[in-house]
Amino acid sequence: MKLPKIFFSSLRPGARRDARRAQDGFSLLELMAVLGLMALLLGLVLPGLLHSWEREANRATLREFTITLRTARSEAVTRGLRVRLFLSLKTGRYRLEGTTRDGALTGVSLTDAQLVWQNPEKSQGYIAFYGDGSSSGAKLALVEPTGRRYLLEVEPITGKVSLRSNVN
C-alpha cells in the first residue's frame, strides 16, 4: 500500500513549523497600517456624513411643517369650518387649532413672514383655512444654517401649500 504524499510531507521535521507559520496572525506593523488607513478614511468621510445628516433633519422639519399645513386645509374642508395654524416667529413653534398636533421649526430660521398677525409685538400669527378650501394666504421665507433658502406659500384662493427651495 502506497501512502499519499501529504502523509510523508507531514513527517518531515520542518513541515510542522512551516504549517504553523502560515497560520500565525498579523504582525503589529500590518495591524497599525490597517488602523491608520481606517482612521484616514473615517476622517475624510465622517464630516460629509454629518453634513448630510443635518441637511436631511432640516428637510424633515420642513416636510413635517408642510404636512401640518396640508392637514389643516384637509380638516377645514372635511369639517366645513375654519381651522388655524398658529405660528410664533421668534421661537419657530407652531400649533394646529383643535388638535394636539404641534411642532417646531428646528434647524431653519424664519426670515420673513406674511400671515395674519395675532400679536405683532410678539411675532405671533396664524394661517387660516376655510371650509370651502380657501385660506388667508401666507408666505414664509426660511433659511438653513448653510444658507439654503426656502419659500413656503399658501395660496389664498385654493389653499394650496407649496414649498420651493433655493429661492433668492
N, C-alpha and C. Protein backbone atom coordinates (compact mmCIF):
# COMPACT_ATOMS: atom_id res chain seq x y z
N MET A 1 0.83 -1.17 0.00
CA MET A 1 0.00 0.00 0.00
C MET A 1 0.87 1.24 0.00
N LYS A 2 0.52 2.11 -0.88
CA LYS A 2 1.31 3.33 -1.03
C LYS A 2 0.62 4.46 -0.30
N LEU A 3 1.37 5.18 0.55
CA LEU A 3 0.81 6.30 1.31
C LEU A 3 0.85 7.58 0.48
N PRO A 4 -0.15 8.45 0.67
CA PRO A 4 -0.15 9.70 -0.09
C PRO A 4 1.00 10.61 0.31
N LYS A 5 1.33 11.54 -0.59
CA LYS A 5 2.44 12.45 -0.35
C LYS A 5 2.18 13.36 0.84
N ILE A 6 0.94 13.64 1.12
CA ILE A 6 0.62 14.52 2.23
C ILE A 6 1.11 13.91 3.53
N PHE A 7 0.96 12.59 3.63
CA PHE A 7 1.38 11.92 4.85
C PHE A 7 2.88 12.06 5.04
N PHE A 8 3.64 11.89 3.98
CA PHE A 8 5.10 11.97 4.07
C PHE A 8 5.56 13.39 4.35
N SER A 9 4.86 14.39 3.76
CA SER A 9 5.31 15.75 3.99
C SER A 9 5.07 16.17 5.44
N SER A 10 4.07 15.58 6.09
CA SER A 10 3.81 15.95 7.49
C SER A 10 4.82 15.29 8.42
N LEU A 11 5.56 14.30 7.93
CA LEU A 11 6.54 13.65 8.77
C LEU A 11 7.90 14.35 8.72
N ARG A 12 8.06 15.27 7.81
CA ARG A 12 9.34 15.98 7.75
C ARG A 12 9.51 16.85 8.98
N PRO A 13 10.69 16.99 9.49
CA PRO A 13 10.88 17.77 10.71
C PRO A 13 10.48 19.24 10.57
N GLY A 14 10.72 19.90 9.48
CA GLY A 14 10.41 21.32 9.33
C GLY A 14 8.99 21.58 8.87
N ALA A 15 8.24 20.55 8.53
CA ALA A 15 6.90 20.73 7.97
C ALA A 15 5.93 21.31 9.00
N ARG A 16 6.02 20.92 10.22
CA ARG A 16 5.10 21.43 11.25
C ARG A 16 5.34 22.91 11.50
N ARG A 17 6.57 23.32 11.51
CA ARG A 17 6.90 24.72 11.76
C ARG A 17 6.41 25.58 10.60
N ASP A 18 6.54 25.12 9.35
CA ASP A 18 6.07 25.87 8.19
C ASP A 18 4.54 25.99 8.22
N ALA A 19 3.85 24.93 8.61
CA ALA A 19 2.39 24.97 8.68
C ALA A 19 1.94 25.93 9.77
N ARG A 20 2.67 25.93 10.89
CA ARG A 20 2.32 26.83 11.97
C ARG A 20 2.56 28.28 11.58
N ARG A 21 3.62 28.56 10.87
CA ARG A 21 3.95 29.92 10.45
C ARG A 21 2.89 30.45 9.49
N ALA A 22 2.32 29.59 8.66
CA ALA A 22 1.28 30.00 7.72
C ALA A 22 -0.01 30.35 8.47
N GLN A 23 -0.22 29.80 9.67
CA GLN A 23 -1.42 30.07 10.43
C GLN A 23 -1.25 31.19 11.45
N ASP A 24 -0.06 31.75 11.57
CA ASP A 24 0.17 32.84 12.53
C ASP A 24 -0.69 34.04 12.16
N GLY A 25 -0.95 34.97 13.14
CA GLY A 25 -1.76 36.18 12.94
C GLY A 25 -0.99 37.25 12.19
N PHE A 26 -1.51 38.45 12.28
CA PHE A 26 -0.89 39.59 11.61
C PHE A 26 0.20 40.16 12.48
N SER A 27 1.16 40.79 11.85
CA SER A 27 2.20 41.45 12.61
C SER A 27 1.66 42.79 13.12
N LEU A 28 2.32 43.36 14.10
CA LEU A 28 1.91 44.64 14.67
C LEU A 28 1.98 45.73 13.61
N LEU A 29 2.95 45.67 12.76
CA LEU A 29 3.09 46.67 11.69
C LEU A 29 1.91 46.61 10.72
N GLU A 30 1.49 45.42 10.37
CA GLU A 30 0.34 45.28 9.47
C GLU A 30 -0.94 45.81 10.13
N LEU A 31 -1.15 45.50 11.40
CA LEU A 31 -2.33 46.00 12.11
C LEU A 31 -2.32 47.52 12.21
N MET A 32 -1.18 48.11 12.50
CA MET A 32 -1.08 49.56 12.60
C MET A 32 -1.35 50.23 11.25
N ALA A 33 -0.89 49.64 10.18
CA ALA A 33 -1.13 50.20 8.84
C ALA A 33 -2.62 50.17 8.50
N VAL A 34 -3.28 49.08 8.80
CA VAL A 34 -4.72 48.97 8.53
C VAL A 34 -5.50 49.95 9.39
N LEU A 35 -5.17 50.06 10.66
CA LEU A 35 -5.85 51.01 11.54
C LEU A 35 -5.62 52.45 11.09
N GLY A 36 -4.42 52.75 10.63
CA GLY A 36 -4.13 54.09 10.13
C GLY A 36 -4.95 54.42 8.89
N LEU A 37 -5.07 53.47 7.97
CA LEU A 37 -5.88 53.69 6.78
C LEU A 37 -7.36 53.86 7.13
N MET A 38 -7.84 53.07 8.09
CA MET A 38 -9.25 53.20 8.51
C MET A 38 -9.50 54.56 9.15
N ALA A 39 -8.57 55.03 9.96
CA ALA A 39 -8.72 56.35 10.60
C ALA A 39 -8.71 57.46 9.55
N LEU A 40 -7.87 57.35 8.55
CA LEU A 40 -7.81 58.33 7.48
C LEU A 40 -9.11 58.37 6.69
N LEU A 41 -9.63 57.20 6.33
CA LEU A 41 -10.90 57.14 5.60
C LEU A 41 -12.05 57.69 6.45
N LEU A 42 -12.07 57.34 7.73
CA LEU A 42 -13.12 57.84 8.61
C LEU A 42 -13.04 59.36 8.74
N GLY A 43 -11.85 59.90 8.81
CA GLY A 43 -11.67 61.35 8.89
C GLY A 43 -12.13 62.06 7.63
N LEU A 44 -12.03 61.42 6.49
CA LEU A 44 -12.47 62.03 5.24
C LEU A 44 -13.97 61.89 5.04
N VAL A 45 -14.56 60.80 5.47
CA VAL A 45 -15.97 60.51 5.20
C VAL A 45 -16.90 61.07 6.28
N LEU A 46 -16.49 61.07 7.52
CA LEU A 46 -17.36 61.46 8.63
C LEU A 46 -17.93 62.88 8.52
N PRO A 47 -17.15 63.91 8.19
CA PRO A 47 -17.73 65.25 8.07
C PRO A 47 -18.83 65.33 7.01
N GLY A 48 -18.66 64.66 5.90
CA GLY A 48 -19.69 64.64 4.86
C GLY A 48 -20.95 63.95 5.33
N LEU A 49 -20.79 62.88 6.10
CA LEU A 49 -21.96 62.18 6.63
C LEU A 49 -22.72 63.04 7.63
N LEU A 50 -21.99 63.76 8.49
CA LEU A 50 -22.65 64.63 9.47
C LEU A 50 -23.39 65.76 8.77
N HIS A 51 -22.78 66.34 7.75
CA HIS A 51 -23.43 67.41 6.99
C HIS A 51 -24.70 66.90 6.31
N SER A 52 -24.64 65.72 5.74
CA SER A 52 -25.82 65.12 5.10
C SER A 52 -26.91 64.84 6.12
N TRP A 53 -26.53 64.37 7.29
CA TRP A 53 -27.50 64.08 8.33
C TRP A 53 -28.21 65.34 8.78
N GLU A 54 -27.47 66.44 8.98
CA GLU A 54 -28.08 67.71 9.39
C GLU A 54 -29.01 68.24 8.30
N ARG A 55 -28.60 68.16 7.06
CA ARG A 55 -29.42 68.64 5.94
C ARG A 55 -30.73 67.86 5.86
N GLU A 56 -30.66 66.55 6.02
CA GLU A 56 -31.87 65.74 5.97
C GLU A 56 -32.78 65.99 7.17
N ALA A 57 -32.19 66.26 8.33
CA ALA A 57 -33.00 66.60 9.51
C ALA A 57 -33.75 67.91 9.27
N ASN A 58 -33.09 68.90 8.65
CA ASN A 58 -33.76 70.17 8.34
C ASN A 58 -34.87 69.96 7.32
N ARG A 59 -34.62 69.16 6.33
CA ARG A 59 -35.65 68.88 5.33
C ARG A 59 -36.84 68.14 5.94
N ALA A 60 -36.56 67.26 6.87
CA ALA A 60 -37.66 66.54 7.55
C ALA A 60 -38.52 67.51 8.35
N THR A 61 -37.89 68.49 8.98
CA THR A 61 -38.63 69.52 9.71
C THR A 61 -39.54 70.29 8.77
N LEU A 62 -39.02 70.67 7.61
CA LEU A 62 -39.83 71.41 6.64
C LEU A 62 -40.96 70.55 6.09
N ARG A 63 -40.69 69.27 5.83
CA ARG A 63 -41.75 68.38 5.36
C ARG A 63 -42.85 68.22 6.40
N GLU A 64 -42.47 68.09 7.65
CA GLU A 64 -43.45 67.95 8.73
C GLU A 64 -44.32 69.20 8.83
N PHE A 65 -43.73 70.38 8.70
CA PHE A 65 -44.49 71.63 8.75
C PHE A 65 -45.44 71.71 7.55
N THR A 66 -44.96 71.34 6.38
CA THR A 66 -45.80 71.35 5.18
C THR A 66 -46.97 70.37 5.33
N ILE A 67 -46.70 69.21 5.87
CA ILE A 67 -47.75 68.21 6.09
C ILE A 67 -48.78 68.74 7.08
N THR A 68 -48.33 69.44 8.11
CA THR A 68 -49.26 70.01 9.09
C THR A 68 -50.16 71.05 8.43
N LEU A 69 -49.60 71.87 7.55
CA LEU A 69 -50.42 72.84 6.83
C LEU A 69 -51.45 72.15 5.94
N ARG A 70 -51.03 71.12 5.25
CA ARG A 70 -51.96 70.38 4.38
C ARG A 70 -53.04 69.67 5.20
N THR A 71 -52.66 69.20 6.38
CA THR A 71 -53.63 68.58 7.28
C THR A 71 -54.66 69.61 7.73
N ALA A 72 -54.21 70.83 8.02
CA ALA A 72 -55.12 71.90 8.43
C ALA A 72 -56.13 72.18 7.33
N ARG A 73 -55.67 72.26 6.10
CA ARG A 73 -56.59 72.50 4.97
C ARG A 73 -57.58 71.35 4.83
N SER A 74 -57.10 70.14 4.93
CA SER A 74 -57.95 68.97 4.81
C SER A 74 -59.01 68.94 5.91
N GLU A 75 -58.61 69.24 7.13
CA GLU A 75 -59.56 69.28 8.25
C GLU A 75 -60.62 70.35 8.04
N ALA A 76 -60.21 71.51 7.54
CA ALA A 76 -61.16 72.60 7.31
C ALA A 76 -62.20 72.20 6.27
N VAL A 77 -61.76 71.59 5.19
CA VAL A 77 -62.68 71.18 4.13
C VAL A 77 -63.58 70.03 4.61
N THR A 78 -63.02 69.09 5.34
CA THR A 78 -63.80 67.95 5.83
C THR A 78 -64.88 68.39 6.80
N ARG A 79 -64.52 69.27 7.74
CA ARG A 79 -65.48 69.71 8.75
C ARG A 79 -66.34 70.88 8.29
N GLY A 80 -65.89 71.58 7.26
CA GLY A 80 -66.61 72.75 6.79
C GLY A 80 -66.48 73.93 7.73
N LEU A 81 -65.38 73.96 8.49
CA LEU A 81 -65.13 75.02 9.47
C LEU A 81 -63.77 75.66 9.23
N ARG A 82 -63.54 76.77 9.89
CA ARG A 82 -62.22 77.41 9.84
C ARG A 82 -61.27 76.66 10.77
N VAL A 83 -60.07 76.38 10.26
CA VAL A 83 -59.01 75.76 11.05
C VAL A 83 -57.77 76.64 10.90
N ARG A 84 -57.17 76.98 12.03
CA ARG A 84 -56.00 77.85 12.01
C ARG A 84 -54.75 77.12 12.48
N LEU A 85 -53.63 77.51 11.90
CA LEU A 85 -52.33 77.04 12.35
C LEU A 85 -51.64 78.26 12.95
N PHE A 86 -51.39 78.23 14.24
CA PHE A 86 -50.74 79.33 14.94
C PHE A 86 -49.23 79.16 14.86
N LEU A 87 -48.53 80.27 14.66
CA LEU A 87 -47.08 80.23 14.45
C LEU A 87 -46.41 81.37 15.19
N SER A 88 -45.35 81.07 15.91
CA SER A 88 -44.54 82.08 16.58
C SER A 88 -43.23 82.23 15.80
N LEU A 89 -42.99 83.42 15.27
CA LEU A 89 -41.77 83.64 14.51
C LEU A 89 -40.52 83.65 15.37
N LYS A 90 -40.65 84.09 16.60
CA LYS A 90 -39.48 84.15 17.49
C LYS A 90 -38.98 82.77 17.87
N THR A 91 -39.91 81.89 18.25
CA THR A 91 -39.50 80.57 18.72
C THR A 91 -39.54 79.51 17.62
N GLY A 92 -40.30 79.77 16.55
CA GLY A 92 -40.44 78.78 15.49
C GLY A 92 -41.41 77.67 15.82
N ARG A 93 -42.16 77.81 16.90
CA ARG A 93 -43.13 76.78 17.29
C ARG A 93 -44.45 77.03 16.59
N TYR A 94 -45.16 75.94 16.29
CA TYR A 94 -46.48 76.05 15.67
C TYR A 94 -47.43 75.04 16.30
N ARG A 95 -48.74 75.36 16.18
CA ARG A 95 -49.77 74.52 16.78
C ARG A 95 -51.01 74.56 15.89
N LEU A 96 -51.59 73.41 15.66
CA LEU A 96 -52.79 73.30 14.84
C LEU A 96 -54.01 73.38 15.74
N GLU A 97 -54.88 74.32 15.44
CA GLU A 97 -56.07 74.56 16.25
C GLU A 97 -56.98 73.33 16.27
N GLY A 98 -57.48 73.00 17.47
CA GLY A 98 -58.42 71.90 17.62
C GLY A 98 -57.80 70.53 17.67
N THR A 99 -56.48 70.44 17.64
CA THR A 99 -55.80 69.14 17.73
C THR A 99 -54.63 69.25 18.70
N THR A 100 -53.99 68.13 18.94
CA THR A 100 -52.79 68.13 19.77
C THR A 100 -51.53 68.22 18.91
N ARG A 101 -51.72 68.42 17.63
CA ARG A 101 -50.59 68.46 16.70
C ARG A 101 -49.85 69.79 16.84
N ASP A 102 -48.59 69.71 17.20
CA ASP A 102 -47.75 70.89 17.28
C ASP A 102 -46.33 70.50 16.94
N GLY A 103 -45.48 71.48 16.80
CA GLY A 103 -44.09 71.20 16.45
C GLY A 103 -43.25 72.44 16.48
N ALA A 104 -42.03 72.32 16.02
CA ALA A 104 -41.10 73.44 15.99
C ALA A 104 -40.27 73.37 14.72
N LEU A 105 -39.97 74.53 14.19
CA LEU A 105 -39.10 74.61 13.02
C LEU A 105 -37.66 74.66 13.50
N THR A 106 -37.09 73.50 13.76
CA THR A 106 -35.72 73.42 14.23
C THR A 106 -34.77 73.27 13.04
N GLY A 107 -33.63 73.90 13.12
CA GLY A 107 -32.65 73.80 12.06
C GLY A 107 -32.86 74.80 10.94
N VAL A 108 -33.96 75.51 10.94
CA VAL A 108 -34.22 76.56 9.94
C VAL A 108 -34.71 77.79 10.68
N SER A 109 -34.43 78.96 10.10
CA SER A 109 -34.90 80.19 10.72
C SER A 109 -35.86 80.90 9.79
N LEU A 110 -36.85 81.54 10.38
CA LEU A 110 -37.83 82.31 9.63
C LEU A 110 -37.27 83.71 9.43
N THR A 111 -37.06 84.12 8.18
CA THR A 111 -36.51 85.45 7.93
C THR A 111 -37.57 86.45 7.56
N ASP A 112 -38.67 86.00 6.97
CA ASP A 112 -39.73 86.90 6.57
C ASP A 112 -41.04 86.12 6.57
N ALA A 113 -42.11 86.79 6.97
CA ALA A 113 -43.40 86.11 7.01
C ALA A 113 -44.51 87.07 6.65
N GLN A 114 -45.43 86.59 5.85
CA GLN A 114 -46.65 87.32 5.54
C GLN A 114 -47.79 86.39 5.92
N LEU A 115 -48.42 86.71 7.06
CA LEU A 115 -49.55 85.93 7.52
C LEU A 115 -50.47 86.84 8.33
N VAL A 116 -51.55 86.30 8.85
CA VAL A 116 -52.47 87.09 9.66
C VAL A 116 -51.83 87.22 11.04
N TRP A 117 -51.63 88.47 11.48
CA TRP A 117 -50.95 88.70 12.75
C TRP A 117 -51.93 88.71 13.89
N GLN A 118 -51.68 87.85 14.84
CA GLN A 118 -52.49 87.79 16.05
C GLN A 118 -51.92 88.76 17.08
N ASN A 119 -50.62 88.81 17.19
CA ASN A 119 -49.93 89.68 18.12
C ASN A 119 -48.61 90.11 17.48
N PRO A 120 -48.60 91.24 16.75
CA PRO A 120 -47.39 91.66 16.04
C PRO A 120 -46.19 91.92 16.95
N GLU A 121 -46.43 92.39 18.18
CA GLU A 121 -45.32 92.68 19.10
C GLU A 121 -44.56 91.41 19.48
N LYS A 122 -45.29 90.33 19.63
CA LYS A 122 -44.66 89.06 19.99
C LYS A 122 -44.35 88.20 18.78
N SER A 123 -44.57 88.72 17.59
CA SER A 123 -44.33 87.99 16.34
C SER A 123 -45.13 86.69 16.28
N GLN A 124 -46.39 86.76 16.65
CA GLN A 124 -47.27 85.60 16.60
C GLN A 124 -48.37 85.84 15.60
N GLY A 125 -48.62 84.86 14.77
CA GLY A 125 -49.67 84.97 13.78
C GLY A 125 -50.27 83.62 13.48
N TYR A 126 -51.12 83.60 12.47
CA TYR A 126 -51.74 82.33 12.09
C TYR A 126 -52.05 82.31 10.60
N ILE A 127 -52.26 81.11 10.12
CA ILE A 127 -52.73 80.87 8.76
C ILE A 127 -54.07 80.17 8.92
N ALA A 128 -55.10 80.74 8.31
CA ALA A 128 -56.45 80.17 8.43
C ALA A 128 -56.83 79.44 7.15
N PHE A 129 -57.45 78.30 7.31
CA PHE A 129 -58.01 77.53 6.21
C PHE A 129 -59.52 77.46 6.43
N TYR A 130 -60.28 77.64 5.36
CA TYR A 130 -61.74 77.71 5.46
C TYR A 130 -62.38 76.47 4.84
N GLY A 131 -63.65 76.27 5.16
CA GLY A 131 -64.38 75.09 4.72
C GLY A 131 -64.51 74.94 3.22
N ASP A 132 -64.41 76.04 2.47
CA ASP A 132 -64.52 75.95 1.01
C ASP A 132 -63.18 75.66 0.34
N GLY A 133 -62.12 75.44 1.13
CA GLY A 133 -60.81 75.12 0.58
C GLY A 133 -59.89 76.32 0.46
N SER A 134 -60.41 77.52 0.65
CA SER A 134 -59.58 78.71 0.55
C SER A 134 -58.81 78.92 1.86
N SER A 135 -57.96 79.94 1.87
CA SER A 135 -57.17 80.22 3.06
C SER A 135 -56.94 81.72 3.18
N SER A 136 -56.35 82.11 4.29
CA SER A 136 -56.00 83.51 4.49
C SER A 136 -54.75 83.87 3.68
N GLY A 137 -54.06 82.86 3.19
CA GLY A 137 -52.83 83.07 2.41
C GLY A 137 -51.64 83.32 3.32
N ALA A 138 -50.48 82.94 2.85
CA ALA A 138 -49.26 83.16 3.64
C ALA A 138 -48.03 82.95 2.77
N LYS A 139 -46.97 83.62 3.17
CA LYS A 139 -45.64 83.40 2.58
C LYS A 139 -44.64 83.40 3.72
N LEU A 140 -43.83 82.36 3.75
CA LEU A 140 -42.81 82.24 4.78
C LEU A 140 -41.46 82.01 4.10
N ALA A 141 -40.48 82.85 4.44
CA ALA A 141 -39.13 82.66 3.94
C ALA A 141 -38.32 81.97 5.03
N LEU A 142 -37.74 80.83 4.69
CA LEU A 142 -36.99 80.02 5.65
C LEU A 142 -35.57 79.85 5.15
N VAL A 143 -34.61 79.84 6.08
CA VAL A 143 -33.20 79.71 5.71
C VAL A 143 -32.54 78.68 6.61
N GLU A 144 -31.79 77.76 5.97
CA GLU A 144 -30.98 76.79 6.72
C GLU A 144 -29.68 77.46 7.16
N PRO A 145 -28.98 76.92 8.14
CA PRO A 145 -27.69 77.49 8.55
C PRO A 145 -26.66 77.50 7.42
N THR A 146 -26.80 76.61 6.45
CA THR A 146 -25.87 76.57 5.32
C THR A 146 -26.15 77.67 4.30
N GLY A 147 -27.27 78.38 4.46
CA GLY A 147 -27.63 79.45 3.53
C GLY A 147 -28.67 79.05 2.50
N ARG A 148 -29.03 77.81 2.46
CA ARG A 148 -30.06 77.35 1.52
C ARG A 148 -31.39 77.96 1.91
N ARG A 149 -32.09 78.54 0.95
CA ARG A 149 -33.33 79.25 1.20
C ARG A 149 -34.54 78.46 0.68
N TYR A 150 -35.65 78.63 1.39
CA TYR A 150 -36.91 78.01 1.02
C TYR A 150 -38.01 79.05 1.08
N LEU A 151 -38.99 78.91 0.24
CA LEU A 151 -40.18 79.76 0.28
C LEU A 151 -41.39 78.85 0.38
N LEU A 152 -42.14 79.02 1.45
CA LEU A 152 -43.35 78.25 1.65
C LEU A 152 -44.53 79.20 1.38
N GLU A 153 -45.38 78.82 0.44
CA GLU A 153 -46.51 79.65 0.07
C GLU A 153 -47.81 78.90 0.28
N VAL A 154 -48.82 79.63 0.77
CA VAL A 154 -50.17 79.11 0.88
C VAL A 154 -51.05 80.02 0.03
N GLU A 155 -51.61 79.46 -1.04
CA GLU A 155 -52.44 80.25 -1.96
C GLU A 155 -53.75 80.65 -1.27
N PRO A 156 -54.17 81.92 -1.41
CA PRO A 156 -55.40 82.35 -0.74
C PRO A 156 -56.67 81.73 -1.34
N ILE A 157 -56.75 81.59 -2.65
CA ILE A 157 -57.98 81.11 -3.27
C ILE A 157 -58.13 79.60 -3.18
N THR A 158 -57.06 78.88 -3.45
CA THR A 158 -57.14 77.41 -3.47
C THR A 158 -56.68 76.76 -2.17
N GLY A 159 -55.91 77.47 -1.35
CA GLY A 159 -55.37 76.89 -0.12
C GLY A 159 -54.21 75.95 -0.37
N LYS A 160 -53.71 75.92 -1.61
CA LYS A 160 -52.61 75.01 -1.97
C LYS A 160 -51.34 75.42 -1.22
N VAL A 161 -50.67 74.42 -0.65
CA VAL A 161 -49.43 74.64 0.08
C VAL A 161 -48.28 74.16 -0.79
N SER A 162 -47.31 75.06 -1.02
CA SER A 162 -46.15 74.68 -1.84
C SER A 162 -44.87 75.12 -1.16
N LEU A 163 -43.83 74.32 -1.32
CA LEU A 163 -42.53 74.60 -0.74
C LEU A 163 -41.51 74.56 -1.87
N ARG A 164 -40.82 75.67 -2.07
CA ARG A 164 -39.78 75.74 -3.10
C ARG A 164 -38.44 76.01 -2.44
N SER A 165 -37.38 75.44 -3.01
CA SER A 165 -36.04 75.63 -2.45
C SER A 165 -35.19 76.51 -3.36
N ASN A 166 -34.08 76.99 -2.78
CA ASN A 166 -33.13 77.87 -3.47
C ASN A 166 -33.80 79.09 -4.06
N VAL A 167 -34.60 79.76 -3.27
CA VAL A 167 -35.30 80.98 -3.70
C VAL A 167 -34.49 82.16 -3.20
N ASN A 168 -34.25 83.12 -4.08
CA ASN A 168 -33.50 84.33 -3.66
C ASN A 168 -34.44 85.39 -3.16
